[in-house]
Protein backbone atom coordinates (compact mmCIF):
# COMPACT_ATOMS: atom_id res chain seq x y z
CA SER A 1 0.25 0.20 -0.30
CA LEU A 2 0.66 3.62 -0.58
CA SER A 3 1.32 5.95 2.64
CA LEU A 4 2.45 10.01 2.09
CA ILE A 5 5.17 10.48 4.68
CA GLY A 6 5.37 13.88 4.66
CA LYS A 7 4.04 16.85 2.44
CA ARG A 8 6.73 15.90 -0.22
CA ASP A 9 7.72 11.90 0.88
CA MET A 10 6.22 9.33 0.08
CA ASN A 11 6.30 5.10 1.11
CA THR A 12 5.64 1.60 0.58
CA GLN A 13 6.54 -2.01 2.39
CA ARG A 14 10.24 -1.43 0.24
CA LEU A 15 10.76 1.45 -0.90
CA ILE A 16 10.80 5.61 0.17
CA LEU A 17 9.93 8.10 -3.04
CA ARG A 18 11.20 11.27 -2.10
CA HIS A 19 11.75 14.55 -4.92
CA GLY A 20 15.54 15.02 -6.00
CA GLN A 21 17.70 17.03 -3.98
CA LEU A 22 21.52 18.53 -5.18
CA SER A 23 22.81 16.53 -2.88
CA ASP A 24 21.92 13.71 -4.87
CA ALA A 25 24.21 14.81 -7.52
CA SER A 26 27.03 12.38 -6.91
CA PHE A 27 24.74 9.72 -7.00
CA ILE A 28 23.20 10.67 -10.44
CA LEU A 29 26.77 11.73 -11.69
CA SER A 30 27.93 7.85 -10.85
CA LEU A 31 24.79 6.67 -12.40
CA LEU A 32 24.46 8.41 -15.81
CA ASN A 33 28.32 7.61 -16.48
CA GLN A 34 27.88 3.69 -15.49
CA PRO A 35 28.84 1.39 -18.92
CA SER A 36 25.21 0.07 -18.68
CA PHE A 37 23.85 2.94 -18.65
CA TYR A 38 25.81 3.95 -22.00
CA ARG A 39 24.43 1.01 -23.64
CA TYR A 40 20.83 0.65 -22.49
CA ILE A 41 20.10 3.94 -22.25
CA ALA A 42 22.13 6.88 -23.92
CA ASP A 43 25.59 8.96 -22.19
CA LYS A 44 23.34 12.21 -20.95
CA GLY A 45 26.91 14.03 -21.26
CA ILE A 46 26.77 14.67 -17.72
CA TYR A 47 30.76 14.42 -16.68
CA THR A 48 30.93 16.66 -13.63
CA LYS A 49 29.42 17.53 -10.64
CA GLN A 50 28.20 20.53 -11.87
CA GLN A 51 26.54 18.91 -14.70
CA ALA A 52 24.56 16.47 -13.00
CA GLU A 53 23.55 19.09 -10.37
CA ASP A 54 21.95 21.07 -13.67
CA TYR A 55 20.60 17.54 -15.14
CA LEU A 56 18.70 17.30 -11.42
CA GLN A 57 17.78 20.32 -11.20
CA LYS A 58 16.01 19.89 -15.40
CA THR A 59 14.81 17.02 -15.14
CA PHE A 60 14.32 15.70 -11.74
CA ILE A 61 13.23 18.61 -9.18
CA ASP A 62 12.19 21.06 -11.69
CA GLY A 63 9.67 18.16 -13.43
CA HIS A 64 8.87 17.50 -9.77
CA GLN A 65 7.52 20.60 -9.21
CA GLN A 66 4.93 20.74 -11.93
CA GLN A 67 4.44 16.61 -12.22
CA GLY A 68 4.72 15.05 -8.45
CA PHE A 69 5.43 11.27 -8.25
CA GLY A 70 3.42 11.03 -11.43
CA PRO A 71 5.03 9.16 -13.67
CA TYR A 72 5.74 6.50 -10.09
CA ILE A 73 2.34 6.83 -8.96
CA ALA A 74 1.47 5.24 -12.83
CA ALA A 75 3.05 2.26 -12.52
CA LYS A 76 1.82 1.89 -9.52
CA LEU A 77 -1.47 2.07 -11.26
CA LEU A 78 -0.86 -0.29 -13.87
CA HIS A 79 -0.41 -2.82 -11.50
CA ALA A 80 -3.75 -2.35 -9.45
CA TYR A 81 -5.47 -2.72 -12.87
CA GLN A 82 -3.59 -5.38 -14.05
CA GLY A 83 -6.41 -7.78 -15.67
CA LYS A 84 -8.53 -4.91 -15.67
CA PHE A 85 -6.91 -4.04 -19.54
CA SER A 86 -7.06 -6.53 -22.36
CA TYR A 87 -2.93 -6.12 -22.55
CA ILE A 88 0.07 -3.90 -21.32
CA ALA A 89 2.91 -3.89 -23.71
CA ALA A 90 6.47 -2.88 -22.10
CA ILE A 91 9.89 -1.96 -25.11
CA ALA A 92 13.05 -3.09 -24.00
CA ASP A 93 16.84 -2.03 -26.61
CA ALA A 94 17.16 -5.48 -28.39
CA ASP A 95 20.59 -6.21 -26.46
CA ASN A 96 19.34 -5.74 -22.77
CA THR A 97 18.71 -9.40 -21.60
CA ALA A 98 18.11 -8.15 -18.50
CA SER A 99 15.22 -6.50 -18.77
CA HIS A 100 13.95 -9.16 -21.22
CA GLY A 101 14.77 -11.27 -17.91
CA LEU A 102 12.85 -8.88 -15.72
CA LEU A 103 9.53 -8.78 -18.17
CA ASN A 104 9.71 -12.60 -18.74
CA LYS A 105 9.45 -12.98 -14.69
CA LEU A 106 6.76 -10.60 -14.86
CA GLY A 107 4.82 -12.44 -16.65
CA PHE A 108 5.58 -10.72 -19.82
CA GLY A 109 5.41 -12.57 -23.46
CA TYR A 110 8.15 -11.71 -26.54
CA ILE A 111 5.90 -11.06 -29.45
CA GLY A 112 8.24 -9.02 -31.87
CA LYS A 113 10.08 -6.16 -32.53
CA ALA A 114 9.08 -2.22 -33.57
CA VAL A 115 11.32 0.81 -34.65
CA LEU A 116 9.77 3.52 -32.80
CA ASN A 117 12.05 5.99 -32.94
CA ASN A 118 13.98 8.82 -36.11
CA ASP A 119 17.08 6.96 -35.94
CA GLY A 120 15.45 3.41 -36.77
CA THR A 121 16.63 0.77 -34.18
CA ALA A 122 14.36 -1.79 -33.65
CA LEU A 123 12.94 -2.20 -29.84
CA VAL A 124 12.05 -5.02 -28.87
CA VAL A 125 7.83 -5.71 -27.50
CA PHE A 126 6.71 -7.67 -25.14
CA ILE A 127 2.67 -8.09 -23.98
CA LEU A 128 0.67 -8.96 -20.95
CA GLU A 129 -2.55 -10.13 -21.12
């Protein structure tokens, strides 16, 4: 179940969600520069702590002021409404076998590939019925 800790924080049994803070810059810098992040997501061009702080401000802090925890709650709602939709779709990079494995464990089945962006890269499509 989801509960509010404070005005700006929420938690579940296993997770505390809070808004991003500039003090998170070192963590973000480390995360964005992991080889697996480059391979499966992208090189965001964040190489210094100052760039990480700017990225946090623009991406997380400003975004949360506008959207709150909307993206996180959407994931929780999908879980709550599973079975009430005819299917739920997910996509992953073709080489991201860790995500494929997780989607399979969650009950998603592979259905094929699709090109959803301008660079022509095919993504793997999974469906949960």
